[in-house]
Amino acid sequence: MKFTRLLLVAAGLALAATPAHADDPFVLTLKGVNGHSAHGVYDGAYFGKLTTGGSTVMDGFSMFCIDFTHDITINSSWSVTSGSLLDGGTVNGARNYIGYSGATMTDFKKAAWLASQFNPLNPGDYSGIHGAIWNTFLPANGQGDLSWPEIQSWMDKADAAAANNFYGMDFSNWVVLTPTGQYGQVQLTTTPEPATMILMGSGLIGMFFVTAQKRRLD
């Protein structure tokens, strides 16, 4: 089965974090999806578990797939690096893994803004929102844009948000999880309060989750 994006399972999800060493590898496990699907893929939030050095850092947090070009399966795991959405090195590594060298930091901000629009009360919007996230990074690896009719209005909304400086949205707590090997998907998530976040390489990362990622799960 294919999976698309993580549903923003926003408020109220408290995730425990434990200290991690900067030289420890992080392992991300896809634990499941929120269950909403359209056009043969799951959209909205995915749920993950993050470990390092054999210890759990976060469990059951929400994340959003922004990578439509790689397939993953539930309960599969892969090594990742974690970095701030506002870091040029993070953006460069993620776009190279996705396979779209033309992606800019503004594109990643659009994805985060779109992920923040997921609303459990409006699941009918999920396919349009997630499709717009995926199309932001397509074509990648020769993949053409998704042609779902509901996508364009959300692409237009994301463009408008970018033109208005994303209405003052704070991106400093957004984190990109990028695979270090050939297997995996690029995921986008947010951190909770800075004091409770774990430093994943260079910054605090806790993982509550408010952004999205699409991908097909076979």
C-alpha atoms as a PDB file:
ATOM      1  CA  MET A   1       0.000   0.000   0.000  1.00  0.00           C
ATOM      2  CA  LYS A   2       1.164   3.522  -0.650  1.00  0.00           C
ATOM      3  CA  PHE A   3       1.470   6.196   1.949  1.00  0.00           C
ATOM      4  CA  THR A   4       1.376   9.893   1.477  1.00  0.00           C
ATOM      5  CA  ARG A   5       1.559  12.541   4.129  1.00  0.00           C
ATOM      6  CA  LEU A   6       1.432  12.776   7.821  1.00  0.00           C
ATOM      7  CA  LEU A   7      -1.652  14.165   9.412  1.00  0.00           C
ATOM      8  CA  LEU A   8      -0.947  17.016  11.724  1.00  0.00           C
ATOM      9  CA  VAL A   9      -1.831  15.458  15.036  1.00  0.00           C
ATOM     10  CA  ALA A  10      -1.278  18.701  16.697  1.00  0.00           C
ATOM     11  CA  ALA A  11      -2.091  19.875  20.147  1.00  0.00           C
ATOM     12  CA  GLY A  12      -1.768  17.745  23.177  1.00  0.00           C
ATOM     13  CA  LEU A  13       0.834  15.226  22.058  1.00  0.00           C
ATOM     14  CA  ALA A  14       3.642  15.331  24.594  1.00  0.00           C
ATOM     15  CA  LEU A  15       6.778  13.465  23.612  1.00  0.00           C
ATOM     16  CA  ALA A  16       9.537  12.567  26.003  1.00  0.00           C
ATOM     17  CA  ALA A  17      13.089  13.289  24.966  1.00  0.00           C
ATOM     18  CA  THR A  18      16.351  11.926  26.326  1.00  0.00           C
ATOM     19  CA  PRO A  19      19.793  13.408  25.800  1.00  0.00           C
ATOM     20  CA  ALA A  20      21.666  12.242  22.714  1.00  0.00           C
ATOM     21  CA  HIS A  21      25.278  12.512  21.672  1.00  0.00           C
ATOM     22  CA  ALA A  22      26.060  14.410  18.499  1.00  0.00           C
ATOM     23  CA  ASP A  23      28.068  11.488  17.135  1.00  0.00           C
ATOM     24  CA  ASP A  24      25.294   8.940  17.653  1.00  0.00           C
ATOM     25  CA  PRO A  25      23.407   7.891  14.509  1.00  0.00           C
ATOM     26  CA  PHE A  26      19.652   8.450  14.578  1.00  0.00           C
ATOM     27  CA  VAL A  27      17.310   5.695  13.470  1.00  0.00           C
ATOM     28  CA  LEU A  28      13.795   6.574  12.359  1.00  0.00           C
ATOM     29  CA  THR A  29      11.048   3.940  12.336  1.00  0.00           C
ATOM     30  CA  LEU A  30       7.717   4.396  10.577  1.00  0.00           C
ATOM     31  CA  LYS A  31       5.179   3.132  13.108  1.00  0.00           C
ATOM     32  CA  GLY A  32       2.015   3.875  11.173  1.00  0.00           C
ATOM     33  CA  VAL A  33      -0.206   6.395   9.413  1.00  0.00           C
ATOM     34  CA  ASN A  34      -3.342   8.249  10.391  1.00  0.00           C
ATOM     35  CA  GLY A  35      -5.472   6.142   8.059  1.00  0.00           C
ATOM     36  CA  HIS A  36      -6.782   8.786   5.680  1.00  0.00           C
ATOM     37  CA  SER A  37      -6.093   8.109   2.018  1.00  0.00           C
ATOM     38  CA  ALA A  38      -7.028   9.362  -1.437  1.00  0.00           C
ATOM     39  CA  HIS A  39      -5.848   8.580  -4.964  1.00  0.00           C
ATOM     40  CA  GLY A  40      -4.296   5.351  -3.696  1.00  0.00           C
ATOM     41  CA  VAL A  41      -1.944   6.961  -1.160  1.00  0.00           C
ATOM     42  CA  TYR A  42      -2.140   7.868   2.508  1.00  0.00           C
ATOM     43  CA  ASP A  43      -2.132  11.562   3.262  1.00  0.00           C
ATOM     44  CA  GLY A  44      -1.760  13.540   6.435  1.00  0.00           C
ATOM     45  CA  ALA A  45       0.442  12.592   9.350  1.00  0.00           C
ATOM     46  CA  TYR A  46       2.692   9.585   9.662  1.00  0.00           C
ATOM     47  CA  PHE A  47       3.837   8.430  13.076  1.00  0.00           C
ATOM     48  CA  GLY A  48       7.427   7.698  13.917  1.00  0.00           C
ATOM     49  CA  LYS A  49       9.883   6.556  16.521  1.00  0.00           C
ATOM     50  CA  LEU A  50      13.371   8.016  16.814  1.00  0.00           C
ATOM     51  CA  THR A  51      16.216   6.230  18.536  1.00  0.00           C
ATOM     52  CA  THR A  52      19.926   6.787  19.002  1.00  0.00           C
ATOM     53  CA  GLY A  53      22.529   4.517  20.523  1.00  0.00           C
ATOM     54  CA  GLY A  54      19.800   1.989  21.284  1.00  0.00           C
ATOM     55  CA  SER A  55      17.799   4.492  23.371  1.00  0.00           C
ATOM     56  CA  THR A  56      14.441   5.959  22.438  1.00  0.00           C
ATOM     57  CA  VAL A  57      14.500   9.679  21.824  1.00  0.00           C
ATOM     58  CA  MET A  58      10.896  10.145  20.740  1.00  0.00           C
ATOM     59  CA  ASP A  59       8.070   7.697  20.200  1.00  0.00           C
ATOM     60  CA  GLY A  60       4.723   8.166  18.492  1.00  0.00           C
ATOM     61  CA  PHE A  61       5.443  11.640  17.163  1.00  0.00           C
ATOM     62  CA  SER A  62       3.830  13.002  14.011  1.00  0.00           C
ATOM     63  CA  MET A  63       5.812  13.680  10.856  1.00  0.00           C
ATOM     64  CA  PHE A  64       5.010  14.688   7.312  1.00  0.00           C
ATOM     65  CA  CYS A  65       6.405  13.138   4.171  1.00  0.00           C
ATOM     66  CA  ILE A  66       7.712  15.577   1.582  1.00  0.00           C
ATOM     67  CA  ASP A  67       9.391  12.896  -0.530  1.00  0.00           C
ATOM     68  CA  PHE A  68       7.169  11.236  -3.152  1.00  0.00           C
ATOM     69  CA  THR A  69      10.037   9.506  -4.932  1.00  0.00           C
ATOM     70  CA  HIS A  70      10.915   6.830  -2.362  1.00  0.00           C
ATOM     71  CA  ASP A  71       8.810   3.941  -1.063  1.00  0.00           C
ATOM     72  CA  ILE A  72       8.789   2.769   2.539  1.00  0.00           C
ATOM     73  CA  THR A  73       6.844   0.215   4.575  1.00  0.00           C
ATOM     74  CA  ILE A  74       5.287   0.371   8.021  1.00  0.00           C
ATOM     75  CA  ASN A  75       7.648  -0.817  10.769  1.00  0.00           C
ATOM     76  CA  SER A  76      10.668  -0.232   8.541  1.00  0.00           C
ATOM     77  CA  SER A  77      13.629   1.737   9.903  1.00  0.00           C
ATOM     78  CA  TRP A  78      16.417   3.813   8.397  1.00  0.00           C
ATOM     79  CA  SER A  79      19.265   6.037   9.564  1.00  0.00           C
ATOM     80  CA  VAL A  80      18.700   9.779   9.352  1.00  0.00           C
ATOM     81  CA  THR A  81      20.368  13.080   9.969  1.00  0.00           C
ATOM     82  CA  SER A  82      18.363  15.874  11.536  1.00  0.00           C
ATOM     83  CA  GLY A  83      18.736  19.544  10.809  1.00  0.00           C
ATOM     84  CA  SER A  84      16.965  22.860  10.975  1.00  0.00           C
ATOM     85  CA  LEU A  85      14.728  23.828   8.082  1.00  0.00           C
ATOM     86  CA  LEU A  86      16.556  27.171   8.105  1.00  0.00           C
ATOM     87  CA  ASP A  87      19.967  25.599   7.581  1.00  0.00           C
ATOM     88  CA  GLY A  88      21.258  25.660   4.005  1.00  0.00           C
ATOM     89  CA  GLY A  89      23.176  22.417   4.495  1.00  0.00           C
ATOM     90  CA  THR A  90      20.023  20.652   5.664  1.00  0.00           C
ATOM     91  CA  VAL A  91      18.072  21.884   2.652  1.00  0.00           C
ATOM     92  CA  ASN A  92      20.845  20.866   0.273  1.00  0.00           C
ATOM     93  CA  GLY A  93      21.063  17.339   1.674  1.00  0.00           C
ATOM     94  CA  ALA A  94      17.300  16.832   1.649  1.00  0.00           C
ATOM     95  CA  ARG A  95      16.777  18.094  -1.892  1.00  0.00           C
ATOM     96  CA  ASN A  96      19.606  15.915  -3.170  1.00  0.00           C
ATOM     97  CA  TYR A  97      18.045  12.852  -1.539  1.00  0.00           C
ATOM     98  CA  ILE A  98      14.611  13.681  -2.954  1.00  0.00           C
ATOM     99  CA  GLY A  99      16.196  14.094  -6.372  1.00  0.00           C
ATOM    100  CA  TYR A 100      15.251  17.690  -7.112  1.00  0.00           C
ATOM    101  CA  SER A 101      18.289  19.948  -7.099  1.00  0.00           C
ATOM    102  CA  GLY A 102      16.157  22.989  -7.929  1.00  0.00           C
ATOM    103  CA  ALA A 103      14.372  22.986  -4.552  1.00  0.00           C
ATOM    104  CA  THR A 104      14.962  26.130  -2.503  1.00  0.00           C
ATOM    105  CA  MET A 105      14.575  26.977   1.168  1.00  0.00           C
ATOM    106  CA  THR A 106      11.363  28.784   0.194  1.00  0.00           C
ATOM    107  CA  ASP A 107      10.049  25.474  -1.159  1.00  0.00           C
ATOM    108  CA  PHE A 108      10.761  23.811   2.181  1.00  0.00           C
ATOM    109  CA  LYS A 109       8.991  26.670   3.935  1.00  0.00           C
ATOM    110  CA  LYS A 110       6.013  26.173   1.633  1.00  0.00           C
ATOM    111  CA  ALA A 111       5.948  22.499   2.607  1.00  0.00           C
ATOM    112  CA  ALA A 112       6.036  23.390   6.300  1.00  0.00           C
ATOM    113  CA  TRP A 113       3.315  26.004   5.869  1.00  0.00           C
ATOM    114  CA  LEU A 114       1.142  23.511   4.001  1.00  0.00           C
ATOM    115  CA  ALA A 115       1.747  20.877   6.667  1.00  0.00           C
ATOM    116  CA  SER A 116       0.558  23.355   9.279  1.00  0.00           C
ATOM    117  CA  GLN A 117      -2.777  23.557   7.429  1.00  0.00           C
ATOM    118  CA  PHE A 118      -3.754  19.944   8.163  1.00  0.00           C
ATOM    119  CA  ASN A 119      -6.825  20.048  10.369  1.00  0.00           C
ATOM    120  CA  PRO A 120      -8.383  16.883  11.856  1.00  0.00           C
ATOM    121  CA  LEU A 121     -11.769  18.556  11.440  1.00  0.00           C
ATOM    122  CA  ASN A 122     -11.293  18.914   7.683  1.00  0.00           C
ATOM    123  CA  PRO A 123      -9.893  15.609   6.378  1.00  0.00           C
ATOM    124  CA  GLY A 124     -11.353  16.386   2.986  1.00  0.00           C
ATOM    125  CA  ASP A 125      -8.509  18.868   2.512  1.00  0.00           C
ATOM    126  CA  TYR A 126      -5.769  16.310   3.138  1.00  0.00           C
ATOM    127  CA  SER A 127      -5.231  15.124  -0.418  1.00  0.00           C
ATOM    128  CA  GLY A 128      -5.055  18.660  -1.754  1.00  0.00           C
ATOM    129  CA  ILE A 129      -2.637  19.795   0.948  1.00  0.00           C
ATOM    130  CA  HIS A 130      -0.387  16.773   0.761  1.00  0.00           C
ATOM    131  CA  GLY A 131      -0.494  16.704  -2.999  1.00  0.00           C
ATOM    132  CA  ALA A 132       0.646  20.335  -3.015  1.00  0.00           C
ATOM    133  CA  ILE A 133       3.511  19.430  -0.672  1.00  0.00           C
ATOM    134  CA  TRP A 134       4.636  16.639  -2.972  1.00  0.00           C
ATOM    135  CA  ASN A 135       4.274  18.719  -6.106  1.00  0.00           C
ATOM    136  CA  THR A 136       6.502  21.369  -4.536  1.00  0.00           C
ATOM    137  CA  PHE A 137       9.389  18.912  -4.978  1.00  0.00           C
ATOM    138  CA  LEU A 138       8.312  17.346  -8.283  1.00  0.00           C
ATOM    139  CA  PRO A 139       9.488  16.566 -10.846  1.00  0.00           C
ATOM    140  CA  ALA A 140      12.150  14.666  -8.955  1.00  0.00           C
ATOM    141  CA  ASN A 141      14.042  11.703 -10.341  1.00  0.00           C
ATOM    142  CA  GLY A 142      11.979  12.068 -13.522  1.00  0.00           C
ATOM    143  CA  GLN A 143       8.639  11.969 -11.680  1.00  0.00           C
ATOM    144  CA  GLY A 144       5.981  14.254 -13.134  1.00  0.00           C
ATOM    145  CA  ASP A 145       3.631  16.392 -11.058  1.00  0.00           C
ATOM    146  CA  LEU A 146       0.568  14.838  -9.490  1.00  0.00           C
ATOM    147  CA  SER A 147      -2.536  15.909 -11.401  1.00  0.00           C
ATOM    148  CA  TRP A 148      -5.213  15.664  -8.708  1.00  0.00           C
ATOM    149  CA  PRO A 149      -7.722  18.480  -9.332  1.00  0.00           C
ATOM    150  CA  GLU A 150      -7.774  19.547  -5.670  1.00  0.00           C
ATOM    151  CA  ILE A 151      -4.036  20.269  -5.589  1.00  0.00           C
ATOM    152  CA  GLN A 152      -3.901  23.538  -7.519  1.00  0.00           C
ATOM    153  CA  SER A 153      -5.879  25.621  -5.027  1.00  0.00           C
ATOM    154  CA  TRP A 154      -3.428  24.635  -2.280  1.00  0.00           C
ATOM    155  CA  MET A 155      -0.452  25.357  -4.528  1.00  0.00           C
ATOM    156  CA  ASP A 156      -1.934  28.825  -5.053  1.00  0.00           C
ATOM    157  CA  LYS A 157      -2.440  29.283  -1.315  1.00  0.00           C
ATOM    158  CA  ALA A 158       1.169  28.301  -0.638  1.00  0.00           C
ATOM    159  CA  ASP A 159       2.371  30.775  -3.271  1.00  0.00           C
ATOM    160  CA  ALA A 160       0.261  33.494  -1.674  1.00  0.00           C
ATOM    161  CA  ALA A 161       1.638  32.639   1.759  1.00  0.00           C
ATOM    162  CA  ALA A 162       5.202  32.884   0.427  1.00  0.00           C
ATOM    163  CA  ALA A 163       4.422  36.253  -1.154  1.00  0.00           C
ATOM    164  CA  ASN A 164       3.191  37.438   2.254  1.00  0.00           C
ATOM    165  CA  ASN A 165       6.228  36.132   4.152  1.00  0.00           C
ATOM    166  CA  PHE A 166       4.146  33.153   5.296  1.00  0.00           C
ATOM    167  CA  TYR A 167       2.058  35.510   7.458  1.00  0.00           C
ATOM    168  CA  GLY A 168       4.831  35.701  10.041  1.00  0.00           C
ATOM    169  CA  MET A 169       5.084  31.943  10.579  1.00  0.00           C
ATOM    170  CA  ASP A 170       8.068  30.917  12.732  1.00  0.00           C
ATOM    171  CA  PHE A 171      10.119  28.187  11.017  1.00  0.00           C
ATOM    172  CA  SER A 172      12.860  27.993  13.647  1.00  0.00           C
ATOM    173  CA  ASN A 173      11.360  24.885  15.249  1.00  0.00           C
ATOM    174  CA  TRP A 174      10.938  22.944  12.007  1.00  0.00           C
ATOM    175  CA  VAL A 175      13.221  19.957  11.491  1.00  0.00           C
ATOM    176  CA  VAL A 176      14.059  17.918   8.397  1.00  0.00           C
ATOM    177  CA  LEU A 177      14.880  14.225   8.818  1.00  0.00           C
ATOM    178  CA  THR A 178      16.956  13.080   5.848  1.00  0.00           C
ATOM    179  CA  PRO A 179      17.961   9.439   5.197  1.00  0.00           C
ATOM    180  CA  THR A 180      21.666   8.702   5.137  1.00  0.00           C
ATOM    181  CA  GLY A 181      21.349   5.592   2.965  1.00  0.00           C
ATOM    182  CA  GLN A 182      19.440   4.546  -0.126  1.00  0.00           C
ATOM    183  CA  TYR A 183      16.338   3.454   1.813  1.00  0.00           C
ATOM    184  CA  GLY A 184      13.988   5.870   3.529  1.00  0.00           C
ATOM    185  CA  GLN A 185      11.976   9.036   3.013  1.00  0.00           C
ATOM    186  CA  VAL A 186      12.590  12.666   3.843  1.00  0.00           C
ATOM    187  CA  GLN A 187      10.277  13.676   6.662  1.00  0.00           C
ATOM    188  CA  LEU A 188       9.380  17.074   8.058  1.00  0.00           C
ATOM    189  CA  THR A 189       8.417  17.665  11.674  1.00  0.00           C
ATOM    190  CA  THR A 190       8.422  20.318  14.367  1.00  0.00           C
ATOM    191  CA  THR A 191       9.953  20.500  17.790  1.00  0.00           C
ATOM    192  CA  PRO A 192       8.050  21.317  20.974  1.00  0.00           C
ATOM    193  CA  GLU A 193       9.325  23.822  23.472  1.00  0.00           C
ATOM    194  CA  PRO A 194      13.061  24.437  23.078  1.00  0.00           C
ATOM    195  CA  ALA A 195      13.748  23.428  26.669  1.00  0.00           C
ATOM    196  CA  THR A 196      12.452  19.922  26.076  1.00  0.00           C
ATOM    197  CA  MET A 197      13.876  19.317  22.627  1.00  0.00           C
ATOM    198  CA  ILE A 198      16.795  17.091  21.880  1.00  0.00           C
ATOM    199  CA  LEU A 199      19.774  18.395  19.985  1.00  0.00           C
ATOM    200  CA  MET A 200      19.945  16.370  16.815  1.00  0.00           C
ATOM    201  CA  GLY A 201      23.366  17.139  15.530  1.00  0.00           C
ATOM    202  CA  SER A 202      23.410  20.819  16.366  1.00  0.00           C
ATOM    203  CA  GLY A 203      20.107  21.939  17.774  1.00  0.00           C
ATOM    204  CA  LEU A 204      17.316  21.034  20.070  1.00  0.00           C
ATOM    205  CA  ILE A 205      14.811  18.682  18.619  1.00  0.00           C
ATOM    206  CA  GLY A 206      11.894  17.324  20.412  1.00  0.00           C
ATOM    207  CA  MET A 207       9.300  15.922  18.213  1.00  0.00           C
ATOM    208  CA  PHE A 208       5.753  16.866  18.450  1.00  0.00           C
ATOM    209  CA  PHE A 209       4.805  17.060  14.818  1.00  0.00           C
ATOM    210  CA  VAL A 210       3.119  19.435  12.649  1.00  0.00           C
ATOM    211  CA  THR A 211       4.388  18.949   9.139  1.00  0.00           C
ATOM    212  CA  ALA A 212       4.005  16.606   6.511  1.00  0.00           C
ATOM    213  CA  GLN A 213       5.422  14.143   4.246  1.00  0.00           C
ATOM    214  CA  LYS A 214       4.041  12.070   1.533  1.00  0.00           C
ATOM    215  CA  ARG A 215       5.304   8.881   0.208  1.00  0.00           C
ATOM    216  CA  ARG A 216       4.086   5.689  -1.040  1.00  0.00           C
ATOM    217  CA  LEU A 217       4.317   2.682   1.176  1.00  0.00           C
ATOM    218  CA  ASP A 218       4.345  -0.647  -0.585  1.00  0.00           C
END
